[in-house]
């Protein structure tokens, strides 16, 4: 009887130890998923969908587009997300530098150049308040660049244009991190 009691006590202790080890492993696995490279556990931005801008996970259709021509192949592109034109994305670019079909790294300032726009990506919310304000001009450190993201553009604002902003993650004017992706292919109207 003493032997049976001894084995029963050992079995209880073994099960208790196994439960502690399993719980410890579960807590360790859960906590390590917050330590990845994408901003402390926040999910990565979604892939851009045609004809939309996705800001902080909310997909919005592009209702209208316009461009302004500043000469010397410098343009601003307007992607309107609301009928009153308050919510929008504005991109400043130089056609020769940025509309090549190759991705522009939005995490880096550009090299110094004269007479040509540096890339700029701005987002305005439904109230017309600028939430994202970035600029690739190298001597303007007061304007941030993206933490992650690329902008690929081709075509001609006066004809058909293709724009894709992927994996955009940036600190906004409100001090919070925002995600921004977009995809547009089609004509633009002169503003």
Protein backbone atom coordinates (compact mmCIF):
# COMPACT_ATOMS: atom_id res chain seq x y z
CA UNK A 1 0.00 0.00 0.00
CA UNK A 2 2.86 2.34 0.78
CA UNK A 3 4.36 1.70 -2.69
CA UNK A 4 1.06 2.55 -4.42
CA UNK A 5 0.74 5.74 -2.38
CA UNK A 6 4.33 6.68 -3.23
CA UNK A 7 3.74 6.21 -7.00
CA UNK A 8 0.50 8.20 -6.81
CA UNK A 9 2.32 11.08 -5.12
CA UNK A 10 5.06 10.99 -7.78
CA UNK A 11 2.46 10.98 -10.58
CA UNK A 12 0.70 14.05 -9.07
CA UNK A 13 4.01 15.91 -8.82
CA UNK A 14 4.93 14.99 -12.42
CA UNK A 15 1.56 16.20 -13.75
CA UNK A 16 1.87 19.46 -11.79
CA UNK A 17 5.38 20.02 -13.16
CA UNK A 18 4.22 19.26 -16.71
CA UNK A 19 1.35 21.76 -16.36
CA UNK A 20 3.75 24.48 -15.15
CA UNK A 21 6.16 23.84 -18.04
CA UNK A 22 3.33 23.93 -20.61
CA UNK A 23 1.88 27.18 -19.21
CA UNK A 24 5.34 28.75 -19.19
CA UNK A 25 5.89 27.77 -22.82
CA UNK A 26 2.49 29.19 -23.79
CA UNK A 27 3.20 32.55 -22.10
CA UNK A 28 6.64 32.73 -23.69
CA UNK A 29 5.23 32.01 -27.16
CA UNK A 30 2.55 34.67 -26.79
CA UNK A 31 4.90 37.35 -25.53
CA UNK A 32 7.54 36.78 -28.20
CA UNK A 33 5.05 37.52 -31.01
CA UNK A 34 4.98 41.14 -29.82
CA UNK A 35 8.72 41.51 -30.42
CA UNK A 36 8.76 41.22 -34.21
CA UNK A 37 10.13 43.83 -36.60
CA UNK A 38 6.84 45.40 -37.71
CA UNK A 39 6.31 47.98 -35.00
CA UNK A 40 5.81 46.01 -31.80
CA UNK A 41 3.13 43.55 -32.80
CA UNK A 42 0.97 45.76 -35.01
CA UNK A 43 -0.14 43.93 -38.13
CA UNK A 44 1.54 44.85 -41.42
CA UNK A 45 -0.35 47.16 -43.76
CA UNK A 46 -2.61 45.32 -46.21
CA UNK A 47 -1.74 45.00 -49.88
CA UNK A 48 -3.10 47.91 -51.94
CA UNK A 49 -6.34 47.26 -53.81
CA UNK A 50 -7.10 48.83 -57.18
CA UNK A 51 -8.83 52.20 -57.03
CA UNK A 52 -8.54 52.56 -53.26
CA UNK A 53 -6.59 54.17 -50.46
CA UNK A 54 -6.36 52.19 -47.22
CA UNK A 55 -5.55 54.29 -44.16
CA UNK A 56 -5.11 52.52 -40.80
CA UNK A 57 -6.88 49.44 -42.15
CA UNK A 58 -9.92 51.33 -43.50
CA UNK A 59 -10.33 50.98 -47.27
CA UNK A 60 -11.69 54.05 -49.09
CA UNK A 61 -12.49 54.31 -52.81
CA UNK A 62 -10.78 57.00 -54.86
CA UNK A 63 -13.70 59.11 -56.08
CA UNK A 64 -11.86 61.59 -58.29
CA UNK A 65 -8.31 62.47 -59.35
CA UNK A 66 -6.66 65.70 -60.48
CA UNK A 67 -3.18 66.98 -61.21
CA UNK A 68 -1.46 70.36 -61.23
CA UNK A 69 1.42 71.07 -63.62
CA UNK A 70 4.13 73.31 -62.15
CA UNK A 71 6.43 73.12 -65.21
CA UNK A 72 9.80 71.37 -65.55
CA UNK A 73 7.91 68.02 -65.21
CA UNK A 74 6.94 68.88 -61.60
CA UNK A 75 3.41 67.81 -60.62
CA UNK A 76 1.05 67.42 -57.71
CA UNK A 77 -1.47 64.57 -57.83
CA UNK A 78 -4.74 64.69 -55.89
CA UNK A 79 -6.59 61.49 -54.99
CA UNK A 80 -9.95 62.51 -53.47
CA UNK A 81 -11.64 60.16 -51.01
CA UNK A 82 -14.71 62.31 -50.23
CA UNK A 83 -17.18 64.24 -52.40
CA UNK A 84 -16.33 67.51 -50.60
CA UNK A 85 -12.62 66.94 -51.43
CA UNK A 86 -11.53 67.34 -47.81
CA UNK A 87 -10.30 63.77 -47.42
CA UNK A 88 -7.50 63.17 -49.88
CA UNK A 89 -3.96 62.04 -50.59
CA UNK A 90 -1.65 64.53 -52.30
CA UNK A 91 1.59 63.40 -53.94
CA UNK A 92 4.21 65.84 -55.22
CA UNK A 93 6.70 64.43 -57.73
CA UNK A 94 8.97 65.05 -60.65
CA UNK A 95 8.03 62.94 -63.66
CA UNK A 96 11.63 62.29 -64.74
CA UNK A 97 12.76 61.27 -61.25
CA UNK A 98 9.74 59.46 -59.84
CA UNK A 99 7.52 58.13 -62.65
CA UNK A 100 9.99 55.53 -63.87
CA UNK A 101 8.14 52.35 -62.92
CA UNK A 102 10.82 51.66 -60.28
CA UNK A 103 9.96 51.82 -56.57
CA UNK A 104 10.89 55.01 -54.71
CA UNK A 105 12.10 54.16 -51.19
CA UNK A 106 9.95 56.32 -48.91
CA UNK A 107 12.19 55.60 -45.90
CA UNK A 108 15.03 57.72 -47.31
CA UNK A 109 15.54 61.34 -48.19
CA UNK A 110 16.54 61.98 -51.80
CA UNK A 111 19.92 63.17 -53.01
CA UNK A 112 20.18 66.94 -53.50
CA UNK A 113 18.98 68.16 -56.92
CA UNK A 114 17.94 71.50 -58.39
CA UNK A 115 14.72 72.57 -60.09
CA UNK A 116 12.89 69.27 -59.60
CA UNK A 117 10.34 68.40 -56.93
CA UNK A 118 11.29 65.97 -54.20
CA UNK A 119 8.71 63.27 -53.46
CA UNK A 120 6.01 64.23 -50.99
CA UNK A 121 3.09 62.16 -49.66
CA UNK A 122 0.38 63.84 -47.56
CA UNK A 123 -2.93 62.51 -46.24
CA UNK A 124 -5.82 64.75 -45.09
CA UNK A 125 -8.67 63.30 -43.01
CA UNK A 126 -12.44 63.83 -43.52
CA UNK A 127 -12.18 67.23 -41.77
CA UNK A 128 -9.38 68.39 -44.06
CA UNK A 129 -6.76 68.07 -41.30
CA UNK A 130 -3.31 66.98 -42.49
CA UNK A 131 -2.53 63.72 -40.66
CA UNK A 132 0.42 62.48 -42.73
CA UNK A 133 3.02 64.95 -43.99
CA UNK A 134 6.25 63.60 -45.47
CA UNK A 135 8.91 65.04 -47.74
CA UNK A 136 12.01 63.57 -49.38
CA UNK A 137 13.99 66.86 -49.40
CA UNK A 138 17.34 66.07 -47.76
CA UNK A 139 17.87 69.34 -45.88
CA UNK A 140 14.37 69.34 -44.33
CA UNK A 141 14.72 67.05 -41.33
CA UNK A 142 11.61 68.65 -39.79
CA UNK A 143 9.57 66.60 -42.30
CA UNK A 144 9.63 62.86 -41.62
CA UNK A 145 10.02 60.00 -44.05
CA UNK A 146 8.13 56.70 -43.80
CA UNK A 147 9.29 53.93 -41.45
CA UNK A 148 8.49 51.44 -44.23
CA UNK A 149 7.09 51.86 -47.71
CA UNK A 150 7.67 52.23 -51.44
CA UNK A 151 5.94 54.35 -54.05
CA UNK A 152 5.93 53.09 -57.65
CA UNK A 153 4.59 55.36 -60.41
CA UNK A 154 4.53 55.29 -64.19
CA UNK A 155 2.68 56.93 -67.04
CA UNK A 156 1.91 60.61 -67.49
CA UNK A 157 -0.38 62.84 -65.39
CA UNK A 158 -1.69 64.36 -68.64
CA UNK A 159 -2.69 60.88 -69.86
CA UNK A 160 -2.92 57.66 -67.91
CA UNK A 161 -1.08 57.20 -64.64
CA UNK A 162 -0.26 54.20 -62.45
CA UNK A 163 0.43 54.72 -58.74
CA UNK A 164 1.05 52.12 -56.06
CA UNK A 165 2.10 52.88 -52.49
CA UNK A 166 2.92 49.66 -50.65
CA UNK A 167 3.68 48.79 -47.02
CA UNK A 168 3.42 52.42 -45.90
CA UNK A 169 3.99 52.96 -42.19
CA UNK A 170 4.66 56.49 -40.93
CA UNK A 171 4.44 58.68 -37.83
CA UNK A 172 1.70 61.25 -38.35
CA UNK A 173 1.40 64.89 -37.36
CA UNK A 174 -0.65 63.66 -34.38
CA UNK A 175 2.35 61.68 -33.06
CA UNK A 176 0.69 58.32 -33.79
CA UNK A 177 1.85 55.65 -36.22
CA UNK A 178 -0.36 55.28 -39.29
CA UNK A 179 -0.47 52.80 -42.15
CA UNK A 180 -1.14 53.96 -45.70
CA UNK A 181 -1.38 51.99 -48.95
CA UNK A 182 -2.96 52.94 -52.26
CA UNK A 183 -3.37 51.83 -55.84
CA UNK A 184 -4.68 53.84 -58.78
CA UNK A 185 -4.50 53.32 -62.54
CA UNK A 186 -6.33 55.61 -64.91
CA UNK A 187 -6.69 59.12 -66.25
CA UNK A 188 -6.36 62.35 -64.28
CA UNK A 189 -8.08 65.70 -64.81
CA UNK A 190 -6.14 68.98 -64.86
CA UNK A 191 -6.99 71.00 -61.73
